[in-house]
Amino acid sequence: MKKGMILCVQGQLPEGVAPDDLLKGGHVAFDVDKVAVVSPLDGEGDIHWAWWRMISKGFTSIHCRMAGYEKGRLALKGGSVPIWSIG
């Protein structure tokens, strides 16, 4: 993954966990079926999506540690990348 890219994650959250709960901080693991990589240089109406099949890359779950509203870090094996939003 290139530095500075923004991610939007789509996946199955654990039972009882709402997307808003992830914005409150903490550490939550959830299954992911695909991740959208978005260039921060694109305009709001001109976002290019690139879908990654995480399971094919060996990831069966992703740990999300939120640092604030709409911002945080997505921890992968061997490092972490910024998070833009989850939905």
PDB file of N, CA and C in Angstrom:
ATOM      1  N   MET A   1       0.842  -1.189   0.000  1.00  0.00           N
ATOM      2  CA  MET A   1       0.000   0.000   0.000  1.00  0.00           C
ATOM      3  C   MET A   1       0.885   1.250   0.000  1.00  0.00           C
ATOM      4  N   LYS A   2       0.503   2.216  -0.767  1.00  0.00           N
ATOM      5  CA  LYS A   2       1.266   3.452  -0.815  1.00  0.00           C
ATOM      6  C   LYS A   2       0.919   4.318   0.385  1.00  0.00           C
ATOM      7  N   LYS A   3       1.902   5.080   0.847  1.00  0.00           N
ATOM      8  CA  LYS A   3       1.673   5.996   1.962  1.00  0.00           C
ATOM      9  C   LYS A   3       0.693   7.087   1.541  1.00  0.00           C
ATOM     10  N   GLY A   4      -0.153   7.482   2.456  1.00  0.00           N
ATOM     11  CA  GLY A   4      -1.069   8.570   2.183  1.00  0.00           C
ATOM     12  C   GLY A   4      -2.378   8.161   1.540  1.00  0.00           C
ATOM     13  N   MET A   5      -2.519   6.871   1.231  1.00  0.00           N
ATOM     14  CA  MET A   5      -3.783   6.442   0.650  1.00  0.00           C
ATOM     15  C   MET A   5      -4.839   6.335   1.748  1.00  0.00           C
ATOM     16  N   ILE A   6      -6.077   6.512   1.357  1.00  0.00           N
ATOM     17  CA  ILE A   6      -7.179   6.505   2.308  1.00  0.00           C
ATOM     18  C   ILE A   6      -8.012   5.261   2.076  1.00  0.00           C
ATOM     19  N   LEU A   7      -8.411   4.619   3.173  1.00  0.00           N
ATOM     20  CA  LEU A   7      -9.160   3.375   3.061  1.00  0.00           C
ATOM     21  C   LEU A   7     -10.602   3.543   3.498  1.00  0.00           C
ATOM     22  N   CYS A   8     -11.483   2.859   2.814  1.00  0.00           N
ATOM     23  CA  CYS A   8     -12.860   2.692   3.264  1.00  0.00           C
ATOM     24  C   CYS A   8     -13.108   1.196   3.342  1.00  0.00           C
ATOM     25  N   VAL A   9     -13.412   0.711   4.518  1.00  0.00           N
ATOM     26  CA  VAL A   9     -13.519  -0.726   4.742  1.00  0.00           C
ATOM     27  C   VAL A   9     -14.976  -1.151   4.753  1.00  0.00           C
ATOM     28  N   GLN A  10     -15.263  -2.237   4.049  1.00  0.00           N
ATOM     29  CA  GLN A  10     -16.584  -2.842   4.114  1.00  0.00           C
ATOM     30  C   GLN A  10     -16.427  -4.261   4.636  1.00  0.00           C
ATOM     31  N   GLY A  11     -17.141  -4.579   5.682  1.00  0.00           N
ATOM     32  CA  GLY A  11     -17.024  -5.914   6.246  1.00  0.00           C
ATOM     33  C   GLY A  11     -18.120  -6.183   7.253  1.00  0.00           C
ATOM     34  N   GLN A  12     -18.030  -7.332   7.895  1.00  0.00           N
ATOM     35  CA  GLN A  12     -19.031  -7.736   8.873  1.00  0.00           C
ATOM     36  C   GLN A  12     -18.545  -7.376  10.266  1.00  0.00           C
ATOM     37  N   LEU A  13     -19.257  -6.484  10.934  1.00  0.00           N
ATOM     38  CA  LEU A  13     -18.890  -6.105  12.295  1.00  0.00           C
ATOM     39  C   LEU A  13     -19.381  -7.170  13.267  1.00  0.00           C
ATOM     40  N   PRO A  14     -18.710  -7.295  14.419  1.00  0.00           N
ATOM     41  CA  PRO A  14     -19.173  -8.251  15.431  1.00  0.00           C
ATOM     42  C   PRO A  14     -20.582  -7.894  15.898  1.00  0.00           C
ATOM     43  N   GLU A  15     -21.309  -8.888  16.383  1.00  0.00           N
ATOM     44  CA  GLU A  15     -22.672  -8.658  16.866  1.00  0.00           C
ATOM     45  C   GLU A  15     -22.658  -7.649  18.004  1.00  0.00           C
ATOM     46  N   GLY A  16     -23.542  -6.679  17.934  1.00  0.00           N
ATOM     47  CA  GLY A  16     -23.631  -5.672  18.980  1.00  0.00           C
ATOM     48  C   GLY A  16     -22.724  -4.476  18.779  1.00  0.00           C
ATOM     49  N   VAL A  17     -21.938  -4.475  17.703  1.00  0.00           N
ATOM     50  CA  VAL A  17     -21.037  -3.353  17.428  1.00  0.00           C
ATOM     51  C   VAL A  17     -21.578  -2.569  16.238  1.00  0.00           C
ATOM     52  N   ALA A  18     -21.831  -1.286  16.439  1.00  0.00           N
ATOM     53  CA  ALA A  18     -22.315  -0.423  15.362  1.00  0.00           C
ATOM     54  C   ALA A  18     -21.144   0.364  14.783  1.00  0.00           C
ATOM     55  N   PRO A  19     -21.252   0.807  13.520  1.00  0.00           N
ATOM     56  CA  PRO A  19     -20.161   1.601  12.941  1.00  0.00           C
ATOM     57  C   PRO A  19     -19.792   2.810  13.793  1.00  0.00           C
ATOM     58  N   ASP A  20     -20.793   3.450  14.414  1.00  0.00           N
ATOM     59  CA  ASP A  20     -20.500   4.608  15.260  1.00  0.00           C
ATOM     60  C   ASP A  20     -19.638   4.237  16.454  1.00  0.00           C
ATOM     61  N   ASP A  21     -19.745   2.986  16.914  1.00  0.00           N
ATOM     62  CA  ASP A  21     -18.943   2.554  18.058  1.00  0.00           C
ATOM     63  C   ASP A  21     -17.452   2.616  17.735  1.00  0.00           C
ATOM     64  N   LEU A  22     -17.098   2.415  16.461  1.00  0.00           N
ATOM     65  CA  LEU A  22     -15.689   2.425  16.087  1.00  0.00           C
ATOM     66  C   LEU A  22     -15.100   3.824  16.189  1.00  0.00           C
ATOM     67  N   LEU A  23     -15.954   4.848  16.118  1.00  0.00           N
ATOM     68  CA  LEU A  23     -15.468   6.219  16.187  1.00  0.00           C
ATOM     69  C   LEU A  23     -15.181   6.644  17.622  1.00  0.00           C
ATOM     70  N   LYS A  24     -15.606   5.833  18.590  1.00  0.00           N
ATOM     71  CA  LYS A  24     -15.435   6.198  19.995  1.00  0.00           C
ATOM     72  C   LYS A  24     -14.083   5.763  20.535  1.00  0.00           C
ATOM     73  N   GLY A  25     -13.297   5.069  19.718  1.00  0.00           N
ATOM     74  CA  GLY A  25     -11.996   4.606  20.181  1.00  0.00           C
ATOM     75  C   GLY A  25     -12.055   3.158  20.595  1.00  0.00           C
ATOM     76  N   GLY A  26     -10.914   2.638  20.990  1.00  0.00           N
ATOM     77  CA  GLY A  26     -10.859   1.244  21.390  1.00  0.00           C
ATOM     78  C   GLY A  26     -10.244   0.391  20.299  1.00  0.00           C
ATOM     79  N   HIS A  27     -10.432  -0.908  20.428  1.00  0.00           N
ATOM     80  CA  HIS A  27      -9.803  -1.856  19.516  1.00  0.00           C
ATOM     81  C   HIS A  27     -10.830  -2.908  19.147  1.00  0.00           C
ATOM     82  N   VAL A  28     -11.216  -2.967  17.878  1.00  0.00           N
ATOM     83  CA  VAL A  28     -12.257  -3.883  17.430  1.00  0.00           C
ATOM     84  C   VAL A  28     -11.738  -4.682  16.249  1.00  0.00           C
ATOM     85  N   ALA A  29     -11.993  -5.983  16.261  1.00  0.00           N
ATOM     86  CA  ALA A  29     -11.628  -6.837  15.128  1.00  0.00           C
ATOM     87  C   ALA A  29     -12.904  -7.231  14.399  1.00  0.00           C
ATOM     88  N   PHE A  30     -12.849  -7.217  13.057  1.00  0.00           N
ATOM     89  CA  PHE A  30     -14.015  -7.633  12.297  1.00  0.00           C
ATOM     90  C   PHE A  30     -13.571  -8.238  10.974  1.00  0.00           C
ATOM     91  N   ASP A  31     -14.426  -9.116  10.448  1.00  0.00           N
ATOM     92  CA  ASP A  31     -14.114  -9.764   9.178  1.00  0.00           C
ATOM     93  C   ASP A  31     -14.305  -8.780   8.032  1.00  0.00           C
ATOM     94  N   VAL A  32     -13.438  -8.894   7.038  1.00  0.00           N
ATOM     95  CA  VAL A  32     -13.459  -7.972   5.912  1.00  0.00           C
ATOM     96  C   VAL A  32     -13.536  -8.757   4.614  1.00  0.00           C
ATOM     97  N   ASP A  33     -14.403  -8.318   3.707  1.00  0.00           N
ATOM     98  CA  ASP A  33     -14.433  -8.973   2.406  1.00  0.00           C
ATOM     99  C   ASP A  33     -13.747  -8.146   1.334  1.00  0.00           C
ATOM    100  N   LYS A  34     -13.720  -6.834   1.483  1.00  0.00           N
ATOM    101  CA  LYS A  34     -12.991  -6.024   0.522  1.00  0.00           C
ATOM    102  C   LYS A  34     -12.639  -4.678   1.132  1.00  0.00           C
ATOM    103  N   VAL A  35     -11.592  -4.060   0.608  1.00  0.00           N
ATOM    104  CA  VAL A  35     -11.126  -2.766   1.088  1.00  0.00           C
ATOM    105  C   VAL A  35     -10.994  -1.838  -0.111  1.00  0.00           C
ATOM    106  N   ALA A  36     -11.547  -0.650  -0.007  1.00  0.00           N
ATOM    107  CA  ALA A  36     -11.413   0.327  -1.082  1.00  0.00           C
ATOM    108  C   ALA A  36     -10.227   1.227  -0.783  1.00  0.00           C
ATOM    109  N   VAL A  37      -9.343   1.367  -1.753  1.00  0.00           N
ATOM    110  CA  VAL A  37      -8.200   2.260  -1.606  1.00  0.00           C
ATOM    111  C   VAL A  37      -8.503   3.528  -2.395  1.00  0.00           C
ATOM    112  N   VAL A  38      -8.529   4.656  -1.714  1.00  0.00           N
ATOM    113  CA  VAL A  38      -8.919   5.912  -2.327  1.00  0.00           C
ATOM    114  C   VAL A  38      -7.753   6.890  -2.273  1.00  0.00           C
ATOM    115  N   SER A  39      -7.452   7.496  -3.398  1.00  0.00           N
ATOM    116  CA  SER A  39      -6.389   8.500  -3.413  1.00  0.00           C
ATOM    117  C   SER A  39      -6.905   9.789  -2.786  1.00  0.00           C
ATOM    118  N   PRO A  40      -6.175  10.364  -1.817  1.00  0.00           N
ATOM    119  CA  PRO A  40      -6.629  11.604  -1.182  1.00  0.00           C
ATOM    120  C   PRO A  40      -6.550  12.796  -2.135  1.00  0.00           C
ATOM    121  N   LEU A  41      -5.884  12.622  -3.284  1.00  0.00           N
ATOM    122  CA  LEU A  41      -5.750  13.720  -4.235  1.00  0.00           C
ATOM    123  C   LEU A  41      -6.980  13.855  -5.122  1.00  0.00           C
ATOM    124  N   ASP A  42      -7.829  12.823  -5.133  1.00  0.00           N
ATOM    125  CA  ASP A  42      -9.044  12.884  -5.944  1.00  0.00           C
ATOM    126  C   ASP A  42     -10.047  13.846  -5.322  1.00  0.00           C
ATOM    127  N   GLY A  43     -10.822  14.505  -6.186  1.00  0.00           N
ATOM    128  CA  GLY A  43     -11.874  15.371  -5.687  1.00  0.00           C
ATOM    129  C   GLY A  43     -12.993  14.550  -5.079  1.00  0.00           C
ATOM    130  N   GLU A  44     -13.812  15.187  -4.270  1.00  0.00           N
ATOM    131  CA  GLU A  44     -14.877  14.467  -3.566  1.00  0.00           C
ATOM    132  C   GLU A  44     -15.814  13.761  -4.541  1.00  0.00           C
ATOM    133  N   GLY A  45     -16.069  14.380  -5.696  1.00  0.00           N
ATOM    134  CA  GLY A  45     -16.974  13.769  -6.657  1.00  0.00           C
ATOM    135  C   GLY A  45     -16.264  12.894  -7.675  1.00  0.00           C
ATOM    136  N   ASP A  46     -14.974  12.723  -7.504  1.00  0.00           N
ATOM    137  CA  ASP A  46     -14.188  11.982  -8.497  1.00  0.00           C
ATOM    138  C   ASP A  46     -13.252  11.013  -7.795  1.00  0.00           C
ATOM    139  N   ILE A  47     -13.839  10.138  -6.970  1.00  0.00           N
ATOM    140  CA  ILE A  47     -13.038   9.184  -6.199  1.00  0.00           C
ATOM    141  C   ILE A  47     -12.891   7.894  -6.988  1.00  0.00           C
ATOM    142  N   HIS A  48     -11.674   7.416  -7.098  1.00  0.00           N
ATOM    143  CA  HIS A  48     -11.417   6.167  -7.808  1.00  0.00           C
ATOM    144  C   HIS A  48     -11.283   5.041  -6.794  1.00  0.00           C
ATOM    145  N   TRP A  49     -12.076   3.975  -6.991  1.00  0.00           N
ATOM    146  CA  TRP A  49     -12.068   2.850  -6.063  1.00  0.00           C
ATOM    147  C   TRP A  49     -11.230   1.717  -6.620  1.00  0.00           C
ATOM    148  N   ALA A  50     -10.419   1.115  -5.763  1.00  0.00           N
ATOM    149  CA  ALA A  50      -9.675  -0.096  -6.124  1.00  0.00           C
ATOM    150  C   ALA A  50      -9.953  -1.124  -5.037  1.00  0.00           C
ATOM    151  N   TRP A  51     -10.638  -2.216  -5.392  1.00  0.00           N
ATOM    152  CA  TRP A  51     -11.041  -3.212  -4.396  1.00  0.00           C
ATOM    153  C   TRP A  51      -9.967  -4.274  -4.234  1.00  0.00           C
ATOM    154  N   TRP A  52      -9.648  -4.562  -2.995  1.00  0.00           N
ATOM    155  CA  TRP A  52      -8.655  -5.590  -2.666  1.00  0.00           C
ATOM    156  C   TRP A  52      -9.367  -6.733  -1.966  1.00  0.00           C
ATOM    157  N   ARG A  53      -9.167  -7.948  -2.448  1.00  0.00           N
ATOM    158  CA  ARG A  53      -9.714  -9.116  -1.765  1.00  0.00           C
ATOM    159  C   ARG A  53      -8.733  -9.506  -0.667  1.00  0.00           C
ATOM    160  N   MET A  54      -9.051  -9.120   0.561  1.00  0.00           N
ATOM    161  CA  MET A  54      -8.104  -9.302   1.660  1.00  0.00           C
ATOM    162  C   MET A  54      -7.832 -10.776   1.938  1.00  0.00           C
ATOM    163  N   ILE A  55      -8.848 -11.619   1.772  1.00  0.00           N
ATOM    164  CA  ILE A  55      -8.644 -13.035   2.066  1.00  0.00           C
ATOM    165  C   ILE A  55      -7.597 -13.627   1.135  1.00  0.00           C
ATOM    166  N   SER A  56      -7.585 -13.184  -0.119  1.00  0.00           N
ATOM    167  CA  SER A  56      -6.596 -13.697  -1.066  1.00  0.00           C
ATOM    168  C   SER A  56      -5.191 -13.239  -0.696  1.00  0.00           C
ATOM    169  N   LYS A  57      -5.098 -12.178   0.102  1.00  0.00           N
ATOM    170  CA  LYS A  57      -3.797 -11.690   0.553  1.00  0.00           C
ATOM    171  C   LYS A  57      -3.435 -12.248   1.929  1.00  0.00           C
ATOM    172  N   GLY A  58      -4.268 -13.149   2.456  1.00  0.00           N
ATOM    173  CA  GLY A  58      -3.946 -13.794   3.719  1.00  0.00           C
ATOM    174  C   GLY A  58      -4.531 -13.127   4.945  1.00  0.00           C
ATOM    175  N   PHE A  59      -5.387 -12.120   4.767  1.00  0.00           N
ATOM    176  CA  PHE A  59      -5.998 -11.456   5.913  1.00  0.00           C
ATOM    177  C   PHE A  59      -7.414 -11.989   6.108  1.00  0.00           C
ATOM    178  N   THR A  60      -7.719 -12.489   7.286  1.00  0.00           N
ATOM    179  CA  THR A  60      -9.078 -12.931   7.566  1.00  0.00           C
ATOM    180  C   THR A  60      -9.791 -11.969   8.509  1.00  0.00           C
ATOM    181  N   SER A  61      -9.031 -11.118   9.183  1.00  0.00           N
ATOM    182  CA  SER A  61      -9.653 -10.093  10.017  1.00  0.00           C
ATOM    183  C   SER A  61      -8.737  -8.886  10.069  1.00  0.00           C
ATOM    184  N   ILE A  62      -9.319  -7.749  10.367  1.00  0.00           N
ATOM    185  CA  ILE A  62      -8.556  -6.507  10.444  1.00  0.00           C
ATOM    186  C   ILE A  62      -8.875  -5.850  11.782  1.00  0.00           C
ATOM    187  N   HIS A  63      -7.855  -5.330  12.436  1.00  0.00           N
ATOM    188  CA  HIS A  63      -8.037  -4.651  13.713  1.00  0.00           C
ATOM    189  C   HIS A  63      -8.059  -3.149  13.463  1.00  0.00           C
ATOM    190  N   CYS A  64      -9.116  -2.509  13.919  1.00  0.00           N
ATOM    191  CA  CYS A  64      -9.297  -1.084  13.685  1.00  0.00           C
ATOM    192  C   CYS A  64      -9.144  -0.331  15.004  1.00  0.00           C
ATOM    193  N   ARG A  65      -8.184   0.579  15.054  1.00  0.00           N
ATOM    194  CA  ARG A  65      -7.985   1.398  16.250  1.00  0.00           C
ATOM    195  C   ARG A  65      -8.276   2.850  15.856  1.00  0.00           C
ATOM    196  N   MET A  66      -9.427   3.363  16.307  1.00  0.00           N
ATOM    197  CA  MET A  66      -9.820   4.706  15.906  1.00  0.00           C
ATOM    198  C   MET A  66      -9.170   5.745  16.808  1.00  0.00           C
ATOM    199  N   ALA A  67      -8.720   6.838  16.196  1.00  0.00           N
ATOM    200  CA  ALA A  67      -8.062   7.898  16.951  1.00  0.00           C
ATOM    201  C   ALA A  67      -8.949   9.129  17.074  1.00  0.00           C
ATOM    202  N   GLY A  68     -10.086   9.140  16.404  1.00  0.00           N
ATOM    203  CA  GLY A  68     -10.972  10.292  16.463  1.00  0.00           C
ATOM    204  C   GLY A  68     -12.064  10.150  15.433  1.00  0.00           C
ATOM    205  N   TYR A  69     -12.913  11.129  15.342  1.00  0.00           N
ATOM    206  CA  TYR A  69     -14.026  11.052  14.407  1.00  0.00           C
ATOM    207  C   TYR A  69     -13.518  11.017  12.970  1.00  0.00           C
ATOM    208  N   GLU A  70     -13.903   9.949  12.249  1.00  0.00           N
ATOM    209  CA  GLU A  70     -13.584   9.753  10.841  1.00  0.00           C
ATOM    210  C   GLU A  70     -12.092   9.595  10.578  1.00  0.00           C
ATOM    211  N   LYS A  71     -11.298   9.482  11.624  1.00  0.00           N
ATOM    212  CA  LYS A  71      -9.866   9.288  11.409  1.00  0.00           C
ATOM    213  C   LYS A  71      -9.368   8.200  12.338  1.00  0.00           C
ATOM    214  N   GLY A  72      -8.336   7.515  11.934  1.00  0.00           N
ATOM    215  CA  GLY A  72      -7.780   6.462  12.762  1.00  0.00           C
ATOM    216  C   GLY A  72      -6.730   5.711  11.986  1.00  0.00           C
ATOM    217  N   ARG A  73      -6.412   4.507  12.429  1.00  0.00           N
ATOM    218  CA  ARG A  73      -5.415   3.714  11.736  1.00  0.00           C
ATOM    219  C   ARG A  73      -5.916   2.290  11.595  1.00  0.00           C
ATOM    220  N   LEU A  74      -5.641   1.719  10.442  1.00  0.00           N
ATOM    221  CA  LEU A  74      -6.019   0.340  10.172  1.00  0.00           C
ATOM    222  C   LEU A  74      -4.764  -0.500  10.302  1.00  0.00           C
ATOM    223  N   ALA A  75      -4.736  -1.381  11.288  1.00  0.00           N
ATOM    224  CA  ALA A  75      -3.539  -2.172  11.558  1.00  0.00           C
ATOM    225  C   ALA A  75      -3.554  -3.449  10.724  1.00  0.00           C
ATOM    226  N   LEU A  76      -2.559  -3.615   9.872  1.00  0.00           N
ATOM    227  CA  LEU A  76      -2.388  -4.833   9.094  1.00  0.00           C
ATOM    228  C   LEU A  76      -1.141  -5.544   9.591  1.00  0.00           C
ATOM    229  N   LYS A  77      -0.961  -6.779   9.159  1.00  0.00           N
ATOM    230  CA  LYS A  77       0.265  -7.477   9.514  1.00  0.00           C
ATOM    231  C   LYS A  77       1.444  -6.719   8.906  1.00  0.00           C
ATOM    232  N   GLY A  78       2.383  -6.313   9.741  1.00  0.00           N
ATOM    233  CA  GLY A  78       3.561  -5.623   9.245  1.00  0.00           C
ATOM    234  C   GLY A  78       3.419  -4.118   9.166  1.00  0.00           C
ATOM    235  N   GLY A  79       2.337  -3.557   9.687  1.00  0.00           N
ATOM    236  CA  GLY A  79       2.216  -2.111   9.668  1.00  0.00           C
ATOM    237  C   GLY A  79       0.773  -1.664   9.737  1.00  0.00           C
ATOM    238  N   SER A  80       0.556  -0.373   9.563  1.00  0.00           N
ATOM    239  CA  SER A  80      -0.794   0.159   9.600  1.00  0.00           C
ATOM    240  C   SER A  80      -0.905   1.305   8.600  1.00  0.00           C
ATOM    241  N   VAL A  81      -2.131   1.606   8.206  1.00  0.00           N
ATOM    242  CA  VAL A  81      -2.387   2.674   7.249  1.00  0.00           C
ATOM    243  C   VAL A  81      -3.554   3.507   7.757  1.00  0.00           C
ATOM    244  N   PRO A  82      -3.687   4.757   7.271  1.00  0.00           N
ATOM    245  CA  PRO A  82      -4.781   5.594   7.756  1.00  0.00           C
ATOM    246  C   PRO A  82      -6.143   5.047   7.346  1.00  0.00           C
ATOM    247  N   ILE A  83      -7.135   5.342   8.172  1.00  0.00           N
ATOM    248  CA  ILE A  83      -8.529   4.991   7.856  1.00  0.00           C
ATOM    249  C   ILE A  83      -9.295   6.278   7.567  1.00  0.00           C
ATOM    250  N   TRP A  84     -10.140   6.232   6.562  1.00  0.00           N
ATOM    251  CA  TRP A  84     -10.980   7.386   6.250  1.00  0.00           C
ATOM    252  C   TRP A  84     -12.374   7.192   6.820  1.00  0.00           C
ATOM    253  N   SER A  85     -13.000   6.083   6.494  1.00  0.00           N
ATOM    254  CA  SER A  85     -14.333   5.825   7.035  1.00  0.00           C
ATOM    255  C   SER A  85     -14.646   4.348   6.964  1.00  0.00           C
ATOM    256  N   ILE A  86     -15.631   3.939   7.717  1.00  0.00           N
ATOM    257  CA  ILE A  86     -16.068   2.544   7.723  1.00  0.00           C
ATOM    258  C   ILE A  86     -17.561   2.529   7.456  1.00  0.00           C
ATOM    259  N   GLY A  87     -18.006   1.657   6.563  1.00  0.00           N
ATOM    260  CA  GLY A  87     -19.429   1.604   6.295  1.00  0.00           C
ATOM    261  C   GLY A  87     -19.801   0.417   5.446  1.00  0.00           C
TER     262      GLY A  87
END
